[in-house]
Amino acid sequence: MRWLLCASAVLLSSGAWADAPRVATDIAPVHALVSIVMDGVGSPDLTIPPGATPHSYAMRPSEARALAGADLVVWVGPALTPWLNEPIETLAGGAVHLTLQDSAGTEVLENRSGVAFEAHEHAHDAHDMDGHDDHADHDDHADHAAD
């Protein structure tokens, strides 16, 4: 959320740009968020089209031009698009770079029970059936509809 407020301040500050700022984003979800922030001001360019793999995408010349003409580049960071780091530095060296994920990596959050999401297993097909033999209390089973 902090980056969204920073981006809003940069994009909407009256003295920063006389016209709408030229903004380039890396992937579609970031593009959608920046589009919301820029609503009524302008629209960002998307560097990696939907459906393309962000890990090894090769930019088209039009996408490289959009990056080169950007005043602001908003991207996830080198963890998702490592190949984009060099083009951002060379093509958009004079632009403000807003990296959404720091180089420290992804933080694993815990769910409400204190279990890390990565370690939590869902066993929906093999759930415990102990104590579930008595169906007399279940009115919603189709085979008991004749009662």
C-alpha atoms as a PDB file:
ATOM      1  CA  MET A   1       0.000   0.000   0.000  1.00  0.00           C
ATOM      2  CA  ARG A   2       2.930   2.305   0.711  1.00  0.00           C
ATOM      3  CA  TRP A   3       4.088   2.073  -2.909  1.00  0.00           C
ATOM      4  CA  LEU A   4       0.586   2.965  -4.116  1.00  0.00           C
ATOM      5  CA  LEU A   5       0.612   6.153  -2.071  1.00  0.00           C
ATOM      6  CA  CYS A   6       4.105   7.023  -3.316  1.00  0.00           C
ATOM      7  CA  ALA A   7       3.074   6.368  -6.909  1.00  0.00           C
ATOM      8  CA  SER A   8      -0.030   8.484  -6.454  1.00  0.00           C
ATOM      9  CA  ALA A   9       2.030  11.360  -5.096  1.00  0.00           C
ATOM     10  CA  VAL A  10       4.528  11.126  -7.955  1.00  0.00           C
ATOM     11  CA  LEU A  11       1.876  10.795 -10.636  1.00  0.00           C
ATOM     12  CA  LEU A  12      -0.509  13.428  -9.413  1.00  0.00           C
ATOM     13  CA  SER A  13       1.844  16.103  -8.132  1.00  0.00           C
ATOM     14  CA  SER A  14       1.065  19.301 -10.007  1.00  0.00           C
ATOM     15  CA  GLY A  15       4.652  20.436 -10.541  1.00  0.00           C
ATOM     16  CA  ALA A  16       6.138  17.105 -11.597  1.00  0.00           C
ATOM     17  CA  TRP A  17       4.897  17.062 -15.201  1.00  0.00           C
ATOM     18  CA  ALA A  18       3.019  19.659 -17.258  1.00  0.00           C
ATOM     19  CA  ASP A  19       1.261  16.878 -19.172  1.00  0.00           C
ATOM     20  CA  ALA A  20       0.327  13.400 -18.055  1.00  0.00           C
ATOM     21  CA  PRO A  21       3.425  11.446 -17.065  1.00  0.00           C
ATOM     22  CA  ARG A  22       4.502   8.624 -19.334  1.00  0.00           C
ATOM     23  CA  VAL A  23       4.400   5.486 -17.232  1.00  0.00           C
ATOM     24  CA  ALA A  24       5.523   1.973 -18.146  1.00  0.00           C
ATOM     25  CA  THR A  25       4.610  -1.151 -16.160  1.00  0.00           C
ATOM     26  CA  ASP A  26       5.886  -4.691 -16.406  1.00  0.00           C
ATOM     27  CA  ILE A  27       2.937  -7.106 -15.999  1.00  0.00           C
ATOM     28  CA  ALA A  28      -0.851  -6.886 -16.381  1.00  0.00           C
ATOM     29  CA  PRO A  29      -1.768  -6.833 -12.646  1.00  0.00           C
ATOM     30  CA  VAL A  30       0.647  -3.947 -12.003  1.00  0.00           C
ATOM     31  CA  HIS A  31      -0.679  -2.222 -15.141  1.00  0.00           C
ATOM     32  CA  ALA A  32      -4.243  -2.538 -13.811  1.00  0.00           C
ATOM     33  CA  LEU A  33      -3.318  -1.010 -10.441  1.00  0.00           C
ATOM     34  CA  VAL A  34      -1.377   1.859 -12.012  1.00  0.00           C
ATOM     35  CA  SER A  35      -4.268   2.464 -14.445  1.00  0.00           C
ATOM     36  CA  ILE A  36      -6.561   2.962 -11.457  1.00  0.00           C
ATOM     37  CA  VAL A  37      -4.126   5.422  -9.883  1.00  0.00           C
ATOM     38  CA  MET A  38      -3.776   7.309 -13.179  1.00  0.00           C
ATOM     39  CA  ASP A  39      -7.504   7.362 -13.960  1.00  0.00           C
ATOM     40  CA  GLY A  40      -8.352  10.756 -15.398  1.00  0.00           C
ATOM     41  CA  VAL A  41      -4.682  11.708 -15.786  1.00  0.00           C
ATOM     42  CA  GLY A  42      -3.357   9.284 -18.403  1.00  0.00           C
ATOM     43  CA  SER A  43      -2.774   5.611 -19.039  1.00  0.00           C
ATOM     44  CA  PRO A  44       0.356   3.507 -18.525  1.00  0.00           C
ATOM     45  CA  ASP A  45       2.066   1.360 -21.148  1.00  0.00           C
ATOM     46  CA  LEU A  46       2.337  -2.391 -20.593  1.00  0.00           C
ATOM     47  CA  THR A  47       5.780  -3.868 -21.279  1.00  0.00           C
ATOM     48  CA  ILE A  48       4.899  -7.575 -21.006  1.00  0.00           C
ATOM     49  CA  PRO A  49       1.557  -8.480 -22.624  1.00  0.00           C
ATOM     50  CA  PRO A  50      -0.959 -10.743 -20.846  1.00  0.00           C
ATOM     51  CA  GLY A  51      -0.260 -14.418 -21.400  1.00  0.00           C
ATOM     52  CA  ALA A  52       3.491 -13.926 -21.938  1.00  0.00           C
ATOM     53  CA  THR A  53       5.844 -15.453 -19.418  1.00  0.00           C
ATOM     54  CA  PRO A  54       7.483 -12.617 -17.462  1.00  0.00           C
ATOM     55  CA  HIS A  55      10.560 -14.727 -16.682  1.00  0.00           C
ATOM     56  CA  SER A  56      11.994 -14.847 -20.215  1.00  0.00           C
ATOM     57  CA  TYR A  57      10.000 -12.448 -22.390  1.00  0.00           C
ATOM     58  CA  ALA A  58      11.729 -10.674 -25.297  1.00  0.00           C
ATOM     59  CA  MET A  59      10.439  -7.120 -25.752  1.00  0.00           C
ATOM     60  CA  ARG A  60       9.157  -5.907 -29.086  1.00  0.00           C
ATOM     61  CA  PRO A  61      10.536  -2.598 -30.423  1.00  0.00           C
ATOM     62  CA  SER A  62       7.289  -0.778 -29.525  1.00  0.00           C
ATOM     63  CA  GLU A  63       7.571  -1.981 -25.922  1.00  0.00           C
ATOM     64  CA  ALA A  64      11.228  -0.898 -25.780  1.00  0.00           C
ATOM     65  CA  ARG A  65      10.184   2.565 -27.071  1.00  0.00           C
ATOM     66  CA  ALA A  66       7.505   2.813 -24.375  1.00  0.00           C
ATOM     67  CA  LEU A  67      10.091   1.942 -21.749  1.00  0.00           C
ATOM     68  CA  ALA A  68      12.583   4.433 -23.211  1.00  0.00           C
ATOM     69  CA  GLY A  69       9.986   7.211 -23.184  1.00  0.00           C
ATOM     70  CA  ALA A  70       8.781   6.580 -19.638  1.00  0.00           C
ATOM     71  CA  ASP A  71       8.981   9.150 -16.878  1.00  0.00           C
ATOM     72  CA  LEU A  72       8.115   6.447 -14.329  1.00  0.00           C
ATOM     73  CA  VAL A  73       8.621   2.672 -14.491  1.00  0.00           C
ATOM     74  CA  VAL A  74       6.562   0.565 -12.088  1.00  0.00           C
ATOM     75  CA  TRP A  75       7.620  -3.065 -11.963  1.00  0.00           C
ATOM     76  CA  VAL A  76       7.574  -6.027  -9.576  1.00  0.00           C
ATOM     77  CA  GLY A  77      11.346  -6.334  -9.577  1.00  0.00           C
ATOM     78  CA  PRO A  78      14.175  -8.618 -10.595  1.00  0.00           C
ATOM     79  CA  ALA A  79      12.752 -11.609  -8.709  1.00  0.00           C
ATOM     80  CA  LEU A  80       9.924 -11.866 -11.285  1.00  0.00           C
ATOM     81  CA  THR A  81      11.533 -10.316 -14.358  1.00  0.00           C
ATOM     82  CA  PRO A  82      15.322 -10.555 -13.996  1.00  0.00           C
ATOM     83  CA  TRP A  83      15.875  -9.853 -17.703  1.00  0.00           C
ATOM     84  CA  LEU A  84      14.061  -6.496 -17.377  1.00  0.00           C
ATOM     85  CA  ASN A  85      16.595  -5.035 -14.944  1.00  0.00           C
ATOM     86  CA  GLU A  86      19.123  -4.135 -17.665  1.00  0.00           C
ATOM     87  CA  PRO A  87      16.583  -2.636 -20.130  1.00  0.00           C
ATOM     88  CA  ILE A  88      15.145  -0.488 -17.329  1.00  0.00           C
ATOM     89  CA  GLU A  89      18.621   0.818 -16.521  1.00  0.00           C
ATOM     90  CA  THR A  90      19.646   1.410 -20.144  1.00  0.00           C
ATOM     91  CA  LEU A  91      16.357   2.427 -21.797  1.00  0.00           C
ATOM     92  CA  ALA A  92      14.709   4.192 -18.858  1.00  0.00           C
ATOM     93  CA  GLY A  93      17.780   5.368 -16.980  1.00  0.00           C
ATOM     94  CA  GLY A  94      16.365   8.873 -16.537  1.00  0.00           C
ATOM     95  CA  ALA A  95      12.969   7.657 -15.319  1.00  0.00           C
ATOM     96  CA  VAL A  96      11.882   7.157 -11.735  1.00  0.00           C
ATOM     97  CA  HIS A  97      11.952   3.425 -10.973  1.00  0.00           C
ATOM     98  CA  LEU A  98       9.353   2.084  -8.562  1.00  0.00           C
ATOM     99  CA  THR A  99      10.207  -1.515  -7.608  1.00  0.00           C
ATOM    100  CA  LEU A 100       7.354  -3.258  -5.802  1.00  0.00           C
ATOM    101  CA  GLN A 101       9.272  -6.228  -4.403  1.00  0.00           C
ATOM    102  CA  ASP A 102      12.518  -5.651  -2.585  1.00  0.00           C
ATOM    103  CA  SER A 103      15.547  -7.822  -3.192  1.00  0.00           C
ATOM    104  CA  ALA A 104      15.091  -9.590   0.137  1.00  0.00           C
ATOM    105  CA  GLY A 105      12.496 -11.860  -1.448  1.00  0.00           C
ATOM    106  CA  THR A 106       9.012 -12.896  -0.560  1.00  0.00           C
ATOM    107  CA  GLU A 107       7.838 -12.986   3.009  1.00  0.00           C
ATOM    108  CA  VAL A 108       5.890 -16.118   3.952  1.00  0.00           C
ATOM    109  CA  LEU A 109       2.845 -15.069   5.944  1.00  0.00           C
ATOM    110  CA  GLU A 110       1.081 -17.183   8.529  1.00  0.00           C
ATOM    111  CA  ASN A 111      -2.628 -17.940   8.447  1.00  0.00           C
ATOM    112  CA  ARG A 112      -4.885 -17.336  11.437  1.00  0.00           C
ATOM    113  CA  SER A 113      -3.866 -20.585  13.106  1.00  0.00           C
ATOM    114  CA  GLY A 114      -0.193 -19.594  12.956  1.00  0.00           C
ATOM    115  CA  VAL A 115       0.724 -22.103  10.236  1.00  0.00           C
ATOM    116  CA  ALA A 116       2.811 -20.836   7.332  1.00  0.00           C
ATOM    117  CA  PHE A 117       0.858 -21.028   4.071  1.00  0.00           C
ATOM    118  CA  GLU A 118       3.630 -22.943   2.288  1.00  0.00           C
ATOM    119  CA  ALA A 119       3.630 -25.666   4.950  1.00  0.00           C
ATOM    120  CA  HIS A 120      -0.143 -25.947   5.240  1.00  0.00           C
ATOM    121  CA  GLU A 121      -1.514 -28.945   3.355  1.00  0.00           C
ATOM    122  CA  HIS A 122      -5.062 -29.245   2.165  1.00  0.00           C
ATOM    123  CA  ALA A 123      -6.309 -32.838   2.206  1.00  0.00           C
ATOM    124  CA  HIS A 124      -9.840 -32.311   0.951  1.00  0.00           C
ATOM    125  CA  ASP A 125     -10.102 -35.713  -0.733  1.00  0.00           C
ATOM    126  CA  ALA A 126      -8.706 -37.677   2.190  1.00  0.00           C
ATOM    127  CA  HIS A 127     -10.312 -35.874   5.119  1.00  0.00           C
ATOM    128  CA  ASP A 128     -10.869 -37.693   8.381  1.00  0.00           C
ATOM    129  CA  MET A 129     -14.141 -39.615   8.347  1.00  0.00           C
ATOM    130  CA  ASP A 130     -14.031 -40.764  12.021  1.00  0.00           C
ATOM    131  CA  GLY A 131     -17.327 -40.131  13.730  1.00  0.00           C
ATOM    132  CA  HIS A 132     -19.063 -39.566  10.419  1.00  0.00           C
ATOM    133  CA  ASP A 133     -20.751 -42.980  10.128  1.00  0.00           C
ATOM    134  CA  ASP A 134     -24.090 -41.858  11.525  1.00  0.00           C
ATOM    135  CA  HIS A 135     -26.082 -40.078   8.828  1.00  0.00           C
ATOM    136  CA  ALA A 136     -29.321 -39.850  10.773  1.00  0.00           C
ATOM    137  CA  ASP A 137     -28.717 -36.181  11.574  1.00  0.00           C
ATOM    138  CA  HIS A 138     -28.067 -35.218   7.944  1.00  0.00           C
ATOM    139  CA  ASP A 139     -31.222 -33.958   6.232  1.00  0.00           C
ATOM    140  CA  ASP A 140     -29.366 -32.682   3.190  1.00  0.00           C
ATOM    141  CA  HIS A 141     -28.331 -36.065   1.696  1.00  0.00           C
ATOM    142  CA  ALA A 142     -30.305 -37.027  -1.399  1.00  0.00           C
ATOM    143  CA  ASP A 143     -30.532 -40.676  -0.328  1.00  0.00           C
ATOM    144  CA  HIS A 144     -32.390 -39.620   2.829  1.00  0.00           C
ATOM    145  CA  ALA A 145     -34.981 -37.516   1.013  1.00  0.00           C
ATOM    146  CA  ALA A 146     -37.597 -40.285   1.254  1.00  0.00           C
ATOM    147  CA  ASP A 147     -37.719 -40.044   5.088  1.00  0.00           C
END
